[in-house]
Amino acid sequence: MEAGSQMQRGIWFRGADEDGTAPTILLAELIPSRLDWAQEGVRLALT
């Protein structure tokens, strides 16, 4: 039940570059998905 409720976990991660300044996005799994990072004004769709 819980697996079904959180399938979107683990597809995208957020971090920072090595000097800790610029935000970064990491794509970890090729699963059709949509990311909405409103804080940074970023919207991404993976098909």
ModelCIF file with pLDDT and N, C-alpha, C, O atoms, coordinates in Angstrom:
data_MODEL
#
_entry.id   MODEL 
#
_entity.id                         1 
_entity.type                       polymer 
_entity.pdbx_number_of_molecules   1 
#
_entity_poly.entity_id                      1 
_entity_poly.type                           'polypeptide(L)' 
_entity_poly.nstd_linkage                   no 
_entity_poly.nstd_monomer                   no 
_entity_poly.pdbx_seq_one_letter_code       MEAGSQMQRGIWFRGADEDGTAPTILLAELIPSRLDWAQEGVRLALT 
_entity_poly.pdbx_seq_one_letter_code_can   MEAGSQMQRGIWFRGADEDGTAPTILLAELIPSRLDWAQEGVRLALT 
_entity_poly.pdbx_strand_id                 A 
#
loop_
_entity_poly_seq.entity_id 
_entity_poly_seq.num 
_entity_poly_seq.mon_id 
_entity_poly_seq.hetero 
1 1  MET n 
1 2  GLU n 
1 3  ALA n 
1 4  GLY n 
1 5  SER n 
1 6  GLN n 
1 7  MET n 
1 8  GLN n 
1 9  ARG n 
1 10 GLY n 
1 11 ILE n 
1 12 TRP n 
1 13 PHE n 
1 14 ARG n 
1 15 GLY n 
1 16 ALA n 
1 17 ASP n 
1 18 GLU n 
1 19 ASP n 
1 20 GLY n 
1 21 THR n 
1 22 ALA n 
1 23 PRO n 
1 24 THR n 
1 25 ILE n 
1 26 LEU n 
1 27 LEU n 
1 28 ALA n 
1 29 GLU n 
1 30 LEU n 
1 31 ILE n 
1 32 PRO n 
1 33 SER n 
1 34 ARG n 
1 35 LEU n 
1 36 ASP n 
1 37 TRP n 
1 38 ALA n 
1 39 GLN n 
1 40 GLU n 
1 41 GLY n 
1 42 VAL n 
1 43 ARG n 
1 44 LEU n 
1 45 ALA n 
1 46 LEU n 
1 47 THR n 
#
_struct_asym.id          A 
_struct_asym.entity_id   1 
#
loop_
_ma_qa_metric.id 
_ma_qa_metric.mode 
_ma_qa_metric.name 
_ma_qa_metric.software_group_id 
_ma_qa_metric.type 
1 global pLDDT . pLDDT 
2 local  pLDDT . pLDDT 
#
_ma_qa_metric_global.metric_id      1 
_ma_qa_metric_global.metric_value   91.43 
_ma_qa_metric_global.model_id       1 
_ma_qa_metric_global.ordinal_id     1 
#
loop_
_ma_qa_metric_local.label_asym_id 
_ma_qa_metric_local.label_comp_id 
_ma_qa_metric_local.label_seq_id 
_ma_qa_metric_local.metric_id 
_ma_qa_metric_local.metric_value 
_ma_qa_metric_local.model_id 
_ma_qa_metric_local.ordinal_id 
A MET 1  2 97.00 1 1  
A GLU 2  2 97.00 1 2  
A ALA 3  2 97.00 1 3  
A GLY 4  2 97.00 1 4  
A SER 5  2 98.00 1 5  
A GLN 6  2 98.00 1 6  
A MET 7  2 97.00 1 7  
A GLN 8  2 98.00 1 8  
A ARG 9  2 96.00 1 9  
A GLY 10 2 95.00 1 10 
A ILE 11 2 97.00 1 11 
A TRP 12 2 97.00 1 12 
A PHE 13 2 96.00 1 13 
A ARG 14 2 94.00 1 14 
A GLY 15 2 88.00 1 15 
A ALA 16 2 67.00 1 16 
A ASP 17 2 61.00 1 17 
A GLU 18 2 62.00 1 18 
A ASP 19 2 66.00 1 19 
A GLY 20 2 65.00 1 20 
A THR 21 2 71.00 1 21 
A ALA 22 2 77.00 1 22 
A PRO 23 2 85.00 1 23 
A THR 24 2 90.00 1 24 
A ILE 25 2 94.00 1 25 
A LEU 26 2 95.00 1 26 
A LEU 27 2 95.00 1 27 
A ALA 28 2 95.00 1 28 
A GLU 29 2 96.00 1 29 
A LEU 30 2 96.00 1 30 
A ILE 31 2 98.00 1 31 
A PRO 32 2 98.00 1 32 
A SER 33 2 98.00 1 33 
A ARG 34 2 98.00 1 34 
A LEU 35 2 98.00 1 35 
A ASP 36 2 98.00 1 36 
A TRP 37 2 96.00 1 37 
A ALA 38 2 95.00 1 38 
A GLN 39 2 92.00 1 39 
A GLU 40 2 92.00 1 40 
A GLY 41 2 94.00 1 41 
A VAL 42 2 95.00 1 42 
A ARG 43 2 97.00 1 43 
A LEU 44 2 98.00 1 44 
A ALA 45 2 98.00 1 45 
A LEU 46 2 98.00 1 46 
A THR 47 2 97.00 1 47 
#
loop_
_atom_site.group_PDB 
_atom_site.id 
_atom_site.type_symbol 
_atom_site.label_atom_id 
_atom_site.label_alt_id 
_atom_site.label_comp_id 
_atom_site.label_asym_id 
_atom_site.label_entity_id 
_atom_site.label_seq_id 
_atom_site.pdbx_PDB_ins_code 
_atom_site.Cartn_x 
_atom_site.Cartn_y 
_atom_site.Cartn_z 
_atom_site.occupancy 
_atom_site.B_iso_or_equiv 
_atom_site.pdbx_formal_charge 
_atom_site.auth_seq_id 
_atom_site.auth_comp_id 
_atom_site.auth_asym_id 
_atom_site.auth_atom_id 
_atom_site.pdbx_PDB_model_num 
ATOM 1   N N  . MET A 1 1  ? 0.840  -1.209 0.000   1.00 97.00 ? 1  MET A N  1 
ATOM 2   C CA . MET A 1 1  ? 0.000  0.000  0.000   1.00 97.00 ? 1  MET A CA 1 
ATOM 3   C C  . MET A 1 1  ? 0.872  1.254  0.000   1.00 97.00 ? 1  MET A C  1 
ATOM 4   O O  . MET A 1 1  ? 0.642  2.190  -0.767  1.00 97.00 ? 1  MET A O  1 
ATOM 5   N N  . GLU A 1 2  ? 1.875  1.252  0.876   1.00 97.00 ? 2  GLU A N  1 
ATOM 6   C CA . GLU A 1 2  ? 2.732  2.433  0.965   1.00 97.00 ? 2  GLU A CA 1 
ATOM 7   C C  . GLU A 1 2  ? 3.583  2.612  -0.287  1.00 97.00 ? 2  GLU A C  1 
ATOM 8   O O  . GLU A 1 2  ? 3.857  3.739  -0.698  1.00 97.00 ? 2  GLU A O  1 
ATOM 9   N N  . ALA A 1 3  ? 4.002  1.500  -0.895  1.00 97.00 ? 3  ALA A N  1 
ATOM 10  C CA . ALA A 1 3  ? 4.777  1.608  -2.134  1.00 97.00 ? 3  ALA A CA 1 
ATOM 11  C C  . ALA A 1 3  ? 3.966  2.314  -3.212  1.00 97.00 ? 3  ALA A C  1 
ATOM 12  O O  . ALA A 1 3  ? 4.495  3.153  -3.942  1.00 97.00 ? 3  ALA A O  1 
ATOM 13  N N  . GLY A 1 4  ? 2.680  1.975  -3.314  1.00 97.00 ? 4  GLY A N  1 
ATOM 14  C CA . GLY A 1 4  ? 1.839  2.637  -4.305  1.00 97.00 ? 4  GLY A CA 1 
ATOM 15  C C  . GLY A 1 4  ? 1.687  4.117  -4.043  1.00 97.00 ? 4  GLY A C  1 
ATOM 16  O O  . GLY A 1 4  ? 1.542  4.906  -4.977  1.00 97.00 ? 4  GLY A O  1 
ATOM 17  N N  . SER A 1 5  ? 1.718  4.501  -2.772  1.00 98.00 ? 5  SER A N  1 
ATOM 18  C CA . SER A 1 5  ? 1.457  5.894  -2.407  1.00 98.00 ? 5  SER A CA 1 
ATOM 19  C C  . SER A 1 5  ? 2.657  6.814  -2.594  1.00 98.00 ? 5  SER A C  1 
ATOM 20  O O  . SER A 1 5  ? 2.524  8.033  -2.487  1.00 98.00 ? 5  SER A O  1 
ATOM 21  N N  . GLN A 1 6  ? 3.834  6.239  -2.874  1.00 98.00 ? 6  GLN A N  1 
ATOM 22  C CA . GLN A 1 6  ? 5.039  7.073  -2.969  1.00 98.00 ? 6  GLN A CA 1 
ATOM 23  C C  . GLN A 1 6  ? 5.923  6.665  -4.138  1.00 98.00 ? 6  GLN A C  1 
ATOM 24  O O  . GLN A 1 6  ? 7.149  6.693  -4.036  1.00 98.00 ? 6  GLN A O  1 
ATOM 25  N N  . MET A 1 7  ? 5.299  6.286  -5.247  1.00 97.00 ? 7  MET A N  1 
ATOM 26  C CA . MET A 1 7  ? 6.061  5.900  -6.436  1.00 97.00 ? 7  MET A CA 1 
ATOM 27  C C  . MET A 1 7  ? 6.921  7.043  -6.959  1.00 97.00 ? 7  MET A C  1 
ATOM 28  O O  . MET A 1 7  ? 7.930  6.800  -7.623  1.00 97.00 ? 7  MET A O  1 
ATOM 29  N N  . GLN A 1 8  ? 6.535  8.298  -6.668  1.00 98.00 ? 8  GLN A N  1 
ATOM 30  C CA . GLN A 1 8  ? 7.287  9.436  -7.191  1.00 98.00 ? 8  GLN A CA 1 
ATOM 31  C C  . GLN A 1 8  ? 8.583  9.694  -6.440  1.00 98.00 ? 8  GLN A C  1 
ATOM 32  O O  . GLN A 1 8  ? 9.400  10.505 -6.876  1.00 98.00 ? 8  GLN A O  1 
ATOM 33  N N  . ARG A 1 9  ? 8.781  9.010  -5.308  1.00 96.00 ? 9  ARG A N  1 
ATOM 34  C CA . ARG A 1 9  ? 10.017 9.210  -4.550  1.00 96.00 ? 9  ARG A CA 1 
ATOM 35  C C  . ARG A 1 9  ? 11.201 8.592  -5.276  1.00 96.00 ? 9  ARG A C  1 
ATOM 36  O O  . ARG A 1 9  ? 11.088 7.526  -5.881  1.00 96.00 ? 9  ARG A O  1 
ATOM 37  N N  . GLY A 1 10 ? 12.334 9.273  -5.209  1.00 95.00 ? 10 GLY A N  1 
ATOM 38  C CA . GLY A 1 10 ? 13.566 8.710  -5.747  1.00 95.00 ? 10 GLY A CA 1 
ATOM 39  C C  . GLY A 1 10 ? 13.801 8.967  -7.216  1.00 95.00 ? 10 GLY A C  1 
ATOM 40  O O  . GLY A 1 10 ? 14.832 8.558  -7.749  1.00 95.00 ? 10 GLY A O  1 
ATOM 41  N N  . ILE A 1 11 ? 12.868 9.639  -7.896  1.00 97.00 ? 11 ILE A N  1 
ATOM 42  C CA . ILE A 1 11 ? 13.077 9.945  -9.316  1.00 97.00 ? 11 ILE A CA 1 
ATOM 43  C C  . ILE A 1 11 ? 13.958 11.178 -9.456  1.00 97.00 ? 11 ILE A C  1 
ATOM 44  O O  . ILE A 1 11 ? 14.913 11.182 -10.232 1.00 97.00 ? 11 ILE A O  1 
ATOM 45  N N  . TRP A 1 12 ? 13.635 12.210 -8.710  1.00 97.00 ? 12 TRP A N  1 
ATOM 46  C CA . TRP A 1 12 ? 14.377 13.474 -8.756  1.00 97.00 ? 12 TRP A CA 1 
ATOM 47  C C  . TRP A 1 12 ? 14.912 13.813 -7.363  1.00 97.00 ? 12 TRP A C  1 
ATOM 48  O O  . TRP A 1 12 ? 14.251 13.567 -6.354  1.00 97.00 ? 12 TRP A O  1 
ATOM 49  N N  . PHE A 1 13 ? 16.120 14.382 -7.327  1.00 96.00 ? 13 PHE A N  1 
ATOM 50  C CA . PHE A 1 13 ? 16.711 14.877 -6.083  1.00 96.00 ? 13 PHE A CA 1 
ATOM 51  C C  . PHE A 1 13 ? 17.176 16.315 -6.305  1.00 96.00 ? 13 PHE A C  1 
ATOM 52  O O  . PHE A 1 13 ? 17.428 16.738 -7.434  1.00 96.00 ? 13 PHE A O  1 
ATOM 53  N N  . ARG A 1 14 ? 17.281 17.047 -5.211  1.00 94.00 ? 14 ARG A N  1 
ATOM 54  C CA . ARG A 1 14 ? 17.829 18.406 -5.283  1.00 94.00 ? 14 ARG A CA 1 
ATOM 55  C C  . ARG A 1 14 ? 19.076 18.496 -4.419  1.00 94.00 ? 14 ARG A C  1 
ATOM 56  O O  . ARG A 1 14 ? 19.181 17.840 -3.382  1.00 94.00 ? 14 ARG A O  1 
ATOM 57  N N  . GLY A 1 15 ? 20.007 19.309 -4.859  1.00 88.00 ? 15 GLY A N  1 
ATOM 58  C CA . GLY A 1 15 ? 21.245 19.481 -4.119  1.00 88.00 ? 15 GLY A CA 1 
ATOM 59  C C  . GLY A 1 15 ? 21.871 20.810 -4.453  1.00 88.00 ? 15 GLY A C  1 
ATOM 60  O O  . GLY A 1 15 ? 21.191 21.727 -4.914  1.00 88.00 ? 15 GLY A O  1 
ATOM 61  N N  . ALA A 1 16 ? 23.164 20.920 -4.222  1.00 67.00 ? 16 ALA A N  1 
ATOM 62  C CA . ALA A 1 16 ? 23.901 22.135 -4.543  1.00 67.00 ? 16 ALA A CA 1 
ATOM 63  C C  . ALA A 1 16 ? 25.222 21.727 -5.169  1.00 67.00 ? 16 ALA A C  1 
ATOM 64  O O  . ALA A 1 16 ? 25.664 20.590 -5.001  1.00 67.00 ? 16 ALA A O  1 
ATOM 65  N N  . ASP A 1 17 ? 25.864 22.658 -5.898  1.00 61.00 ? 17 ASP A N  1 
ATOM 66  C CA . ASP A 1 17 ? 27.146 22.324 -6.485  1.00 61.00 ? 17 ASP A CA 1 
ATOM 67  C C  . ASP A 1 17 ? 28.211 22.264 -5.390  1.00 61.00 ? 17 ASP A C  1 
ATOM 68  O O  . ASP A 1 17 ? 27.912 22.468 -4.214  1.00 61.00 ? 17 ASP A O  1 
ATOM 69  N N  . GLU A 1 18 ? 29.434 21.989 -5.777  1.00 62.00 ? 18 GLU A N  1 
ATOM 70  C CA . GLU A 1 18 ? 30.478 21.688 -4.797  1.00 62.00 ? 18 GLU A CA 1 
ATOM 71  C C  . GLU A 1 18 ? 30.776 22.844 -3.849  1.00 62.00 ? 18 GLU A C  1 
ATOM 72  O O  . GLU A 1 18 ? 31.187 22.609 -2.713  1.00 62.00 ? 18 GLU A O  1 
ATOM 73  N N  . ASP A 1 19 ? 30.578 24.088 -4.287  1.00 66.00 ? 19 ASP A N  1 
ATOM 74  C CA . ASP A 1 19 ? 30.839 25.192 -3.363  1.00 66.00 ? 19 ASP A CA 1 
ATOM 75  C C  . ASP A 1 19 ? 29.594 25.583 -2.576  1.00 66.00 ? 19 ASP A C  1 
ATOM 76  O O  . ASP A 1 19 ? 29.611 26.552 -1.817  1.00 66.00 ? 19 ASP A O  1 
ATOM 77  N N  . GLY A 1 20 ? 28.487 24.808 -2.764  1.00 65.00 ? 20 GLY A N  1 
ATOM 78  C CA . GLY A 1 20 ? 27.300 24.999 -1.941  1.00 65.00 ? 20 GLY A CA 1 
ATOM 79  C C  . GLY A 1 20 ? 26.448 26.183 -2.319  1.00 65.00 ? 20 GLY A C  1 
ATOM 80  O O  . GLY A 1 20 ? 25.643 26.642 -1.509  1.00 65.00 ? 20 GLY A O  1 
ATOM 81  N N  . THR A 1 21 ? 26.603 26.704 -3.551  1.00 71.00 ? 21 THR A N  1 
ATOM 82  C CA . THR A 1 21 ? 25.850 27.898 -3.919  1.00 71.00 ? 21 THR A CA 1 
ATOM 83  C C  . THR A 1 21 ? 24.697 27.570 -4.873  1.00 71.00 ? 21 THR A C  1 
ATOM 84  O O  . THR A 1 21 ? 23.532 27.660 -4.486  1.00 71.00 ? 21 THR A O  1 
ATOM 85  N N  . ALA A 1 22 ? 25.008 27.195 -6.098  1.00 77.00 ? 22 ALA A N  1 
ATOM 86  C CA . ALA A 1 22 ? 23.967 27.033 -7.114  1.00 77.00 ? 22 ALA A CA 1 
ATOM 87  C C  . ALA A 1 22 ? 23.142 25.769 -6.846  1.00 77.00 ? 22 ALA A C  1 
ATOM 88  O O  . ALA A 1 22 ? 23.705 24.702 -6.600  1.00 77.00 ? 22 ALA A O  1 
ATOM 89  N N  . PRO A 1 23 ? 21.815 25.886 -6.894  1.00 85.00 ? 23 PRO A N  1 
ATOM 90  C CA . PRO A 1 23 ? 20.978 24.687 -6.735  1.00 85.00 ? 23 PRO A CA 1 
ATOM 91  C C  . PRO A 1 23 ? 21.128 23.758 -7.934  1.00 85.00 ? 23 PRO A C  1 
ATOM 92  O O  . PRO A 1 23 ? 21.308 24.213 -9.064  1.00 85.00 ? 23 PRO A O  1 
ATOM 93  N N  . THR A 1 24 ? 21.053 22.474 -7.685  1.00 90.00 ? 24 THR A N  1 
ATOM 94  C CA . THR A 1 24 ? 21.175 21.493 -8.749  1.00 90.00 ? 24 THR A CA 1 
ATOM 95  C C  . THR A 1 24 ? 20.013 20.511 -8.685  1.00 90.00 ? 24 THR A C  1 
ATOM 96  O O  . THR A 1 24 ? 19.406 20.305 -7.635  1.00 90.00 ? 24 THR A O  1 
ATOM 97  N N  . ILE A 1 25 ? 19.721 19.915 -9.826  1.00 94.00 ? 25 ILE A N  1 
ATOM 98  C CA . ILE A 1 25 ? 18.692 18.882 -9.927  1.00 94.00 ? 25 ILE A CA 1 
ATOM 99  C C  . ILE A 1 25 ? 19.354 17.615 -10.438 1.00 94.00 ? 25 ILE A C  1 
ATOM 100 O O  . ILE A 1 25 ? 20.126 17.650 -11.395 1.00 94.00 ? 25 ILE A O  1 
ATOM 101 N N  . LEU A 1 26 ? 19.052 16.517 -9.805  1.00 95.00 ? 26 LEU A N  1 
ATOM 102 C CA . LEU A 1 26 ? 19.616 15.228 -10.208 1.00 95.00 ? 26 LEU A CA 1 
ATOM 103 C C  . LEU A 1 26 ? 18.477 14.308 -10.613 1.00 95.00 ? 26 LEU A C  1 
ATOM 104 O O  . LEU A 1 26 ? 17.545 14.092 -9.839  1.00 95.00 ? 26 LEU A O  1 
ATOM 105 N N  . LEU A 1 27 ? 18.549 13.768 -11.818 1.00 95.00 ? 27 LEU A N  1 
ATOM 106 C CA . LEU A 1 27 ? 17.583 12.782 -12.301 1.00 95.00 ? 27 LEU A CA 1 
ATOM 107 C C  . LEU A 1 27 ? 18.149 11.397 -12.044 1.00 95.00 ? 27 LEU A C  1 
ATOM 108 O O  . LEU A 1 27 ? 19.212 11.051 -12.559 1.00 95.00 ? 27 LEU A O  1 
ATOM 109 N N  . ALA A 1 28 ? 17.437 10.599 -11.242 1.00 95.00 ? 28 ALA A N  1 
ATOM 110 C CA . ALA A 1 28 ? 17.965 9.304  -10.805 1.00 95.00 ? 28 ALA A CA 1 
ATOM 111 C C  . ALA A 1 28 ? 17.322 8.124  -11.505 1.00 95.00 ? 28 ALA A C  1 
ATOM 112 O O  . ALA A 1 28 ? 17.941 7.066  -11.617 1.00 95.00 ? 28 ALA A O  1 
ATOM 113 N N  . GLU A 1 29 ? 16.089 8.281  -11.980 1.00 96.00 ? 29 GLU A N  1 
ATOM 114 C CA . GLU A 1 29 ? 15.366 7.146  -12.581 1.00 96.00 ? 29 GLU A CA 1 
ATOM 115 C C  . GLU A 1 29 ? 14.596 7.608  -13.807 1.00 96.00 ? 29 GLU A C  1 
ATOM 116 O O  . GLU A 1 29 ? 13.985 8.676  -13.805 1.00 96.00 ? 29 GLU A O  1 
ATOM 117 N N  . LEU A 1 30 ? 14.631 6.792  -14.854 1.00 96.00 ? 30 LEU A N  1 
ATOM 118 C CA . LEU A 1 30 ? 13.916 7.120  -16.087 1.00 96.00 ? 30 LEU A CA 1 
ATOM 119 C C  . LEU A 1 30 ? 12.482 6.603  -15.981 1.00 96.00 ? 30 LEU A C  1 
ATOM 120 O O  . LEU A 1 30 ? 12.140 5.546  -16.512 1.00 96.00 ? 30 LEU A O  1 
ATOM 121 N N  . ILE A 1 31 ? 11.664 7.370  -15.286 1.00 98.00 ? 31 ILE A N  1 
ATOM 122 C CA . ILE A 1 31 ? 10.252 7.057  -15.082 1.00 98.00 ? 31 ILE A CA 1 
ATOM 123 C C  . ILE A 1 31 ? 9.451  8.273  -15.532 1.00 98.00 ? 31 ILE A C  1 
ATOM 124 O O  . ILE A 1 31 ? 9.767  9.390  -15.124 1.00 98.00 ? 31 ILE A O  1 
ATOM 125 N N  . PRO A 1 32 ? 8.421  8.091  -16.361 1.00 98.00 ? 32 PRO A N  1 
ATOM 126 C CA . PRO A 1 32 ? 7.630  9.245  -16.805 1.00 98.00 ? 32 PRO A CA 1 
ATOM 127 C C  . PRO A 1 32 ? 7.136  10.054 -15.608 1.00 98.00 ? 32 PRO A C  1 
ATOM 128 O O  . PRO A 1 32 ? 6.452  9.523  -14.733 1.00 98.00 ? 32 PRO A O  1 
ATOM 129 N N  . SER A 1 33 ? 7.480  11.323 -15.573 1.00 98.00 ? 33 SER A N  1 
ATOM 130 C CA . SER A 1 33 ? 7.187  12.104 -14.370 1.00 98.00 ? 33 SER A CA 1 
ATOM 131 C C  . SER A 1 33 ? 7.236  13.592 -14.675 1.00 98.00 ? 33 SER A C  1 
ATOM 132 O O  . SER A 1 33 ? 7.710  14.037 -15.720 1.00 98.00 ? 33 SER A O  1 
ATOM 133 N N  . ARG A 1 34 ? 6.720  14.339 -13.701 1.00 98.00 ? 34 ARG A N  1 
ATOM 134 C CA . ARG A 1 34 ? 6.735  15.792 -13.793 1.00 98.00 ? 34 ARG A CA 1 
ATOM 135 C C  . ARG A 1 34 ? 7.269  16.344 -12.478 1.00 98.00 ? 34 ARG A C  1 
ATOM 136 O O  . ARG A 1 34 ? 6.864  15.906 -11.401 1.00 98.00 ? 34 ARG A O  1 
ATOM 137 N N  . LEU A 1 35 ? 8.179  17.308 -12.573 1.00 98.00 ? 35 LEU A N  1 
ATOM 138 C CA . LEU A 1 35 ? 8.763  17.971 -11.408 1.00 98.00 ? 35 LEU A CA 1 
ATOM 139 C C  . LEU A 1 35 ? 8.350  19.430 -11.409 1.00 98.00 ? 35 LEU A C  1 
ATOM 140 O O  . LEU A 1 35 ? 8.477  20.120 -12.421 1.00 98.00 ? 35 LEU A O  1 
ATOM 141 N N  . ASP A 1 36 ? 7.850  19.903 -10.261 1.00 98.00 ? 36 ASP A N  1 
ATOM 142 C CA . ASP A 1 36 ? 7.481  21.309 -10.111 1.00 98.00 ? 36 ASP A CA 1 
ATOM 143 C C  . ASP A 1 36 ? 8.224  21.862 -8.896  1.00 98.00 ? 36 ASP A C  1 
ATOM 144 O O  . ASP A 1 36 ? 7.807  21.656 -7.757  1.00 98.00 ? 36 ASP A O  1 
ATOM 145 N N  . TRP A 1 37 ? 9.322  22.562 -9.148  1.00 96.00 ? 37 TRP A N  1 
ATOM 146 C CA . TRP A 1 37 ? 10.131 23.163 -8.091  1.00 96.00 ? 37 TRP A CA 1 
ATOM 147 C C  . TRP A 1 37 ? 9.807  24.653 -8.066  1.00 96.00 ? 37 TRP A C  1 
ATOM 148 O O  . TRP A 1 37 ? 10.548 25.470 -8.613  1.00 96.00 ? 37 TRP A O  1 
ATOM 149 N N  . ALA A 1 38 ? 8.700  24.994 -7.428  1.00 95.00 ? 38 ALA A N  1 
ATOM 150 C CA . ALA A 1 38 ? 8.197  26.367 -7.462  1.00 95.00 ? 38 ALA A CA 1 
ATOM 151 C C  . ALA A 1 38 ? 9.184  27.345 -6.854  1.00 95.00 ? 38 ALA A C  1 
ATOM 152 O O  . ALA A 1 38 ? 9.290  28.481 -7.318  1.00 95.00 ? 38 ALA A O  1 
ATOM 153 N N  . GLN A 1 39 ? 9.911  26.927 -5.824  1.00 92.00 ? 39 GLN A N  1 
ATOM 154 C CA . GLN A 1 39 ? 10.861 27.809 -5.143  1.00 92.00 ? 39 GLN A CA 1 
ATOM 155 C C  . GLN A 1 39 ? 11.898 28.368 -6.102  1.00 92.00 ? 39 GLN A C  1 
ATOM 156 O O  . GLN A 1 39 ? 12.316 29.519 -5.975  1.00 92.00 ? 39 GLN A O  1 
ATOM 157 N N  . GLU A 1 40 ? 12.315 27.542 -7.071  1.00 92.00 ? 40 GLU A N  1 
ATOM 158 C CA . GLU A 1 40 ? 13.322 27.965 -8.047  1.00 92.00 ? 40 GLU A CA 1 
ATOM 159 C C  . GLU A 1 40 ? 12.708 28.305 -9.405  1.00 92.00 ? 40 GLU A C  1 
ATOM 160 O O  . GLU A 1 40 ? 13.424 28.629 -10.352 1.00 92.00 ? 40 GLU A O  1 
ATOM 161 N N  . GLY A 1 41 ? 11.374 28.228 -9.494  1.00 94.00 ? 41 GLY A N  1 
ATOM 162 C CA . GLY A 1 41 ? 10.724 28.539 -10.761 1.00 94.00 ? 41 GLY A CA 1 
ATOM 163 C C  . GLY A 1 41 ? 11.023 27.524 -11.845 1.00 94.00 ? 41 GLY A C  1 
ATOM 164 O O  . GLY A 1 41 ? 11.099 27.874 -13.022 1.00 94.00 ? 41 GLY A O  1 
ATOM 165 N N  . VAL A 1 42 ? 11.192 26.269 -11.458 1.00 95.00 ? 42 VAL A N  1 
ATOM 166 C CA . VAL A 1 42 ? 11.569 25.232 -12.428 1.00 95.00 ? 42 VAL A CA 1 
ATOM 167 C C  . VAL A 1 42 ? 10.441 24.211 -12.546 1.00 95.00 ? 42 VAL A C  1 
ATOM 168 O O  . VAL A 1 42 ? 9.929  23.698 -11.551 1.00 95.00 ? 42 VAL A O  1 
ATOM 169 N N  . ARG A 1 43 ? 10.070 23.934 -13.799 1.00 97.00 ? 43 ARG A N  1 
ATOM 170 C CA . ARG A 1 43 ? 9.129  22.849 -14.091 1.00 97.00 ? 43 ARG A CA 1 
ATOM 171 C C  . ARG A 1 43 ? 9.729  21.980 -15.180 1.00 97.00 ? 43 ARG A C  1 
ATOM 172 O O  . ARG A 1 43 ? 10.115 22.465 -16.244 1.00 97.00 ? 43 ARG A O  1 
ATOM 173 N N  . LEU A 1 44 ? 9.800  20.677 -14.896 1.00 98.00 ? 44 LEU A N  1 
ATOM 174 C CA . LEU A 1 44 ? 10.372 19.744 -15.848 1.00 98.00 ? 44 LEU A CA 1 
ATOM 175 C C  . LEU A 1 44 ? 9.413  18.577 -16.060 1.00 98.00 ? 44 LEU A C  1 
ATOM 176 O O  . LEU A 1 44 ? 8.741  18.128 -15.132 1.00 98.00 ? 44 LEU A O  1 
ATOM 177 N N  . ALA A 1 45 ? 9.364  18.095 -17.303 1.00 98.00 ? 45 ALA A N  1 
ATOM 178 C CA . ALA A 1 45 ? 8.569  16.897 -17.605 1.00 98.00 ? 45 ALA A CA 1 
ATOM 179 C C  . ALA A 1 45 ? 9.464  15.887 -18.295 1.00 98.00 ? 45 ALA A C  1 
ATOM 180 O O  . ALA A 1 45 ? 10.203 16.231 -19.217 1.00 98.00 ? 45 ALA A O  1 
ATOM 181 N N  . LEU A 1 46 ? 9.398  14.641 -17.850 1.00 98.00 ? 46 LEU A N  1 
ATOM 182 C CA . LEU A 1 46 ? 10.181 13.557 -18.450 1.00 98.00 ? 46 LEU A CA 1 
ATOM 183 C C  . LEU A 1 46 ? 9.228  12.586 -19.118 1.00 98.00 ? 46 LEU A C  1 
ATOM 184 O O  . LEU A 1 46 ? 8.345  12.022 -18.473 1.00 98.00 ? 46 LEU A O  1 
ATOM 185 N N  . THR A 1 47 ? 9.412  12.396 -20.415 1.00 97.00 ? 47 THR A N  1 
ATOM 186 C CA . THR A 1 47 ? 8.616  11.421 -21.165 1.00 97.00 ? 47 THR A CA 1 
ATOM 187 C C  . THR A 1 47 ? 9.538  10.297 -21.605 1.00 97.00 ? 47 THR A C  1 
ATOM 188 O O  . THR A 1 47 ? 9.092  9.352  -22.256 1.00 97.00 ? 47 THR A O  1 
#
